[in-house]
Amino acid sequence: MSASSDVPVTTRRHLTVLLSGLAVNPCAEPKVLVRLAAADIDRTKLARRRDLPAQAAVILAGDEDADLRSELAAHPRLPAEAQRVLARDVDPRVRGRLAEGAEYFTTVGVHGLDVPEPLSPEVYEVLARDPEPKVRRALALNRNLPDTLRARILDDGDARTAAIAATEWNPAPAARIGALLARATDTFARELLLLRLDGPLPPEAARVLLAEIDSAEDPARHVGLLRRIAATADLDAARDHRPAPT
């Protein structure tokens, strides 16, 4: 189905409009949606349909348009066949959107917020080994991530990925927070971990963090972290950090 055949320009424009309208028509049959997936039209709304057939999803997953593939990757009920294609997409933005499994608001068909279903176990494994840290960080945010895999991600080579995995786990793995905090080198990851800290911040950890903030080139950037330390630190650690009287 193509809108760019040997027909008059005016007719071609009308055909494009008609095909685009079919892409959101709730009465369109699956075979029509499959043909539309390969049509020369804007298929963004087609990729958002809750009733998108698996065959159509696979066609869209192999499309050359990265924006379209990214839109498809956010689909809350993506068929496993399409998941496997997108999990190995050349664009990390597409892989990251698939990995996150964020809540999805659709205006195609029945309107409303859609909570995504879990990805297939095979796809979770592929994404957990993704070479791009941003993709693994997105995976750590996935609410449906199996606990066994989340536990493995706590040992991820990227400290922020490990921190996100811990803070998104409910309940947070309290016994691992201290070690993860020691590994984290960026303010964002440390603030996340302190928000999930179960109990007071150990004195030695507080001393290290406070010393690093004191020696930072721009201490103002660490105001949020400093507040979290003040809210969680053992008071003895705070007193020990005060400079000796001169």
Protein backbone atom coordinates (compact mmCIF):
# COMPACT_ATOMS: atom_id res chain seq x y z
CA MET A 1 0.00 0.00 0.00
CA SER A 2 1.68 3.17 -1.17
CA ALA A 3 0.65 6.79 -1.39
CA SER A 4 3.33 7.56 -3.99
CA SER A 5 2.16 5.68 -7.08
CA ASP A 6 1.66 7.04 -10.60
CA VAL A 7 -1.47 9.00 -9.76
CA PRO A 8 -2.18 12.75 -9.90
CA VAL A 9 -0.62 14.77 -7.07
CA THR A 10 -4.02 15.90 -5.72
CA THR A 11 -5.33 12.34 -5.64
CA ARG A 12 -2.10 11.18 -3.98
CA ARG A 13 -2.53 13.78 -1.23
CA HIS A 14 -6.08 12.64 -0.63
CA LEU A 15 -4.90 9.05 -0.49
CA THR A 16 -2.26 9.94 2.11
CA VAL A 17 -4.92 11.61 4.26
CA LEU A 18 -7.22 8.60 3.93
CA LEU A 19 -4.49 6.13 4.84
CA SER A 20 -3.43 8.24 7.83
CA GLY A 21 -7.05 8.26 9.00
CA LEU A 22 -7.25 4.48 8.67
CA ALA A 23 -4.23 4.18 10.98
CA VAL A 24 -6.33 5.45 13.89
CA ASN A 25 -9.67 3.95 12.88
CA PRO A 26 -10.75 1.53 15.66
CA CYS A 27 -12.68 -0.51 13.08
CA ALA A 28 -9.65 -1.17 10.87
CA GLU A 29 -9.04 -4.89 10.56
CA PRO A 30 -5.65 -6.40 11.47
CA LYS A 31 -4.82 -7.13 7.82
CA VAL A 32 -5.38 -3.45 7.01
CA LEU A 33 -3.08 -2.37 9.85
CA VAL A 34 -0.39 -4.72 8.58
CA ARG A 35 -0.56 -3.13 5.13
CA LEU A 36 -0.49 0.35 6.66
CA ALA A 37 2.70 -0.52 8.53
CA ALA A 38 4.50 -0.59 5.18
CA ALA A 39 2.70 2.41 3.68
CA ASP A 40 4.43 5.64 2.74
CA ILE A 41 2.64 7.72 5.39
CA ASP A 42 3.25 9.01 8.90
CA ARG A 43 2.82 5.83 10.96
CA THR A 44 3.49 7.33 14.39
CA LYS A 45 -0.12 6.95 15.51
CA LEU A 46 -0.26 3.46 14.08
CA ALA A 47 2.67 2.53 16.33
CA ARG A 48 0.64 3.70 19.35
CA ARG A 49 -2.39 1.48 18.72
CA ARG A 50 -3.12 -0.90 21.58
CA ASP A 51 -4.45 -3.45 19.11
CA LEU A 52 -1.36 -3.31 16.87
CA PRO A 53 -0.94 -6.76 15.25
CA ALA A 54 2.36 -8.55 15.85
CA GLN A 55 3.12 -8.64 12.13
CA ALA A 56 2.65 -4.88 11.85
CA ALA A 57 4.82 -4.29 14.92
CA VAL A 58 7.67 -6.32 13.42
CA ILE A 59 7.45 -4.33 10.18
CA LEU A 60 7.62 -1.04 12.11
CA ALA A 61 10.50 -2.34 14.26
CA GLY A 62 12.59 -2.75 11.11
CA ASP A 63 11.76 0.67 9.68
CA GLU A 64 14.62 3.04 8.81
CA ASP A 65 13.01 5.91 10.78
CA ALA A 66 14.56 5.91 14.26
CA ASP A 67 11.83 8.24 15.59
CA LEU A 68 9.18 5.75 14.53
CA ARG A 69 11.08 2.84 16.10
CA SER A 70 11.47 4.86 19.30
CA GLU A 71 7.72 5.47 19.40
CA LEU A 72 7.10 1.77 18.89
CA ALA A 73 9.58 0.87 21.64
CA ALA A 74 7.37 2.68 24.17
CA HIS A 75 4.34 0.56 23.27
CA PRO A 76 3.03 -0.98 26.52
CA ARG A 77 2.01 -4.27 24.90
CA LEU A 78 4.70 -4.85 22.35
CA PRO A 79 4.73 -8.37 20.85
CA ALA A 80 7.80 -10.45 21.76
CA GLU A 81 8.87 -10.66 18.11
CA ALA A 82 9.16 -6.87 17.91
CA GLN A 83 10.82 -6.66 21.34
CA ARG A 84 13.64 -8.90 20.15
CA VAL A 85 14.26 -6.67 17.13
CA LEU A 86 14.23 -3.42 19.10
CA ALA A 87 16.45 -4.81 21.87
CA ARG A 88 19.25 -4.94 19.28
CA ASP A 89 18.41 -1.66 17.55
CA VAL A 90 21.38 0.37 16.31
CA ASP A 91 20.05 3.47 18.10
CA PRO A 92 20.60 3.42 21.90
CA ARG A 93 17.68 5.83 22.28
CA VAL A 94 15.36 3.15 20.92
CA ARG A 95 16.86 0.43 23.12
CA GLY A 96 16.63 2.71 26.15
CA ARG A 97 12.97 3.48 25.59
CA LEU A 98 12.22 -0.23 25.30
CA ALA A 99 14.28 -0.95 28.42
CA GLU A 100 12.57 1.61 30.65
CA GLY A 101 9.01 0.37 30.15
CA ALA A 102 7.59 3.72 31.21
CA GLU A 103 3.88 4.35 31.71
CA TYR A 104 2.33 5.28 28.43
CA PHE A 105 -0.49 7.69 27.66
CA THR A 106 -2.29 6.93 24.44
CA THR A 107 -4.78 9.03 22.51
CA VAL A 108 -5.33 6.38 19.86
CA GLY A 109 -8.43 4.26 20.41
CA VAL A 110 -9.31 4.14 24.10
CA HIS A 111 -7.61 7.12 25.75
CA GLY A 112 -5.76 6.85 29.03
CA LEU A 113 -2.64 5.80 30.91
CA ASP A 114 -1.38 2.34 30.13
CA VAL A 115 0.95 0.44 32.47
CA PRO A 116 3.36 -1.64 30.39
CA GLU A 117 3.52 -5.39 30.58
CA PRO A 118 6.83 -7.17 31.35
CA LEU A 119 9.25 -7.73 28.50
CA SER A 120 10.25 -11.26 27.62
CA PRO A 121 13.04 -12.81 29.78
CA GLU A 122 15.30 -13.07 26.72
CA VAL A 123 14.93 -9.35 26.02
CA TYR A 124 15.68 -8.39 29.64
CA GLU A 125 18.91 -10.39 29.41
CA VAL A 126 19.95 -8.70 26.16
CA LEU A 127 19.28 -5.23 27.56
CA ALA A 128 21.14 -6.00 30.80
CA ARG A 129 24.25 -6.68 28.71
CA ASP A 130 23.84 -3.57 26.54
CA PRO A 131 27.18 -1.78 26.00
CA GLU A 132 25.58 1.64 26.50
CA PRO A 133 25.27 2.65 30.21
CA LYS A 134 22.25 4.86 29.46
CA VAL A 135 20.35 1.81 28.22
CA ARG A 136 21.19 -0.18 31.34
CA ARG A 137 20.20 2.79 33.50
CA ALA A 138 16.84 2.87 31.75
CA LEU A 139 16.47 -0.86 32.37
CA ALA A 140 17.15 -0.32 36.07
CA LEU A 141 14.08 1.96 36.12
CA ASN A 142 11.82 -0.78 34.71
CA ARG A 143 9.17 -1.62 37.32
CA ASN A 144 8.76 -5.13 35.91
CA LEU A 145 12.43 -6.07 36.08
CA PRO A 146 12.76 -9.52 37.72
CA ASP A 147 14.37 -9.39 41.17
CA THR A 148 17.05 -11.90 40.16
CA LEU A 149 18.18 -9.63 37.34
CA ARG A 150 17.91 -6.48 39.48
CA ALA A 151 20.20 -8.13 42.03
CA ARG A 152 22.77 -8.72 39.28
CA ILE A 153 22.52 -5.11 38.14
CA LEU A 154 23.56 -4.01 41.64
CA ASP A 155 27.03 -5.17 40.53
CA ASP A 156 26.91 -3.30 37.21
CA GLY A 157 30.18 -1.71 36.18
CA ASP A 158 28.42 1.65 35.92
CA ALA A 159 27.88 2.97 39.46
CA ARG A 160 24.84 5.04 38.50
CA THR A 161 23.14 2.02 36.94
CA ALA A 162 23.70 0.08 40.17
CA ALA A 163 22.40 3.00 42.24
CA ILE A 164 19.22 3.30 40.20
CA ALA A 165 18.62 -0.45 40.45
CA ALA A 166 18.84 -0.21 44.24
CA THR A 167 16.63 2.84 44.59
CA GLU A 168 13.92 1.40 42.33
CA TRP A 169 13.80 -1.88 44.29
CA ASN A 170 10.99 -2.05 46.81
CA PRO A 171 12.00 -2.58 49.53
CA ALA A 172 15.46 -1.20 48.88
CA PRO A 173 18.35 -3.62 49.57
CA ALA A 174 19.45 -1.83 52.76
CA ALA A 175 22.48 -4.07 53.28
CA ARG A 176 23.92 -2.98 49.92
CA ILE A 177 23.33 0.77 50.17
CA GLY A 178 26.59 1.51 51.99
CA ALA A 179 28.74 -0.32 49.44
CA LEU A 180 26.87 1.25 46.54
CA LEU A 181 27.29 4.68 48.07
CA ALA A 182 31.03 4.12 48.29
CA ARG A 183 31.12 3.20 44.58
CA ALA A 184 29.03 6.13 43.40
CA THR A 185 31.05 9.09 42.17
CA ASP A 186 28.35 11.45 40.89
CA THR A 187 26.05 13.60 42.99
CA PHE A 188 22.86 12.34 41.36
CA ALA A 189 23.53 8.69 42.19
CA ARG A 190 24.50 9.53 45.75
CA GLU A 191 21.34 11.57 46.33
CA LEU A 192 19.25 8.66 45.03
CA LEU A 193 20.91 6.24 47.43
CA LEU A 194 20.59 8.56 50.42
CA LEU A 195 16.88 8.89 49.71
CA ARG A 196 16.53 5.12 50.10
CA LEU A 197 18.92 4.74 53.01
CA ASP A 198 17.40 2.60 55.76
CA GLY A 199 18.82 4.04 58.96
CA PRO A 200 21.55 6.63 59.62
CA LEU A 201 24.39 7.23 57.21
CA PRO A 202 27.49 5.46 58.61
CA PRO A 203 30.01 7.94 60.10
CA GLU A 204 32.86 6.89 57.80
CA ALA A 205 30.66 7.36 54.71
CA ALA A 206 29.55 10.78 55.94
CA ARG A 207 33.17 11.87 56.48
CA VAL A 208 34.18 10.85 52.98
CA LEU A 209 31.24 12.60 51.34
CA LEU A 210 31.67 15.79 53.36
CA ALA A 211 35.42 15.90 52.63
CA GLU A 212 34.76 15.53 48.91
CA ILE A 213 32.20 18.33 48.96
CA ASP A 214 34.66 20.60 50.81
CA SER A 215 37.33 20.00 48.16
CA ALA A 216 35.00 20.33 45.16
CA GLU A 217 35.70 23.11 42.68
CA ASP A 218 32.05 24.20 42.85
CA PRO A 219 30.56 23.18 46.23
CA ALA A 220 27.28 24.90 45.30
CA ARG A 221 26.54 22.02 42.92
CA HIS A 222 26.38 19.68 45.89
CA VAL A 223 23.76 21.55 47.92
CA GLY A 224 21.13 18.86 47.42
CA LEU A 225 23.55 16.13 48.44
CA LEU A 226 24.62 18.12 51.49
CA ARG A 227 20.97 18.38 52.58
CA ARG A 228 20.56 14.61 52.26
CA ILE A 229 23.71 14.02 54.31
CA ALA A 230 22.43 16.37 57.01
CA ALA A 231 19.10 14.53 57.05
CA THR A 232 20.59 11.04 57.34
CA ALA A 233 24.06 11.30 58.88
CA ASP A 234 24.99 10.05 62.29
CA LEU A 235 25.39 13.24 64.36
CA ASP A 236 28.68 12.01 65.73
CA ALA A 237 30.03 12.01 62.19
CA ALA A 238 28.90 15.58 61.68
CA ARG A 239 30.60 16.67 64.92
CA ASP A 240 33.81 14.84 64.00
CA HIS A 241 33.90 16.69 60.70
CA ARG A 242 33.88 20.14 62.28
CA PRO A 243 37.28 21.86 62.03
CA ALA A 244 39.30 21.89 65.21
CA PRO A 245 39.34 25.25 67.05
CA THR A 246 42.42 27.39 66.45
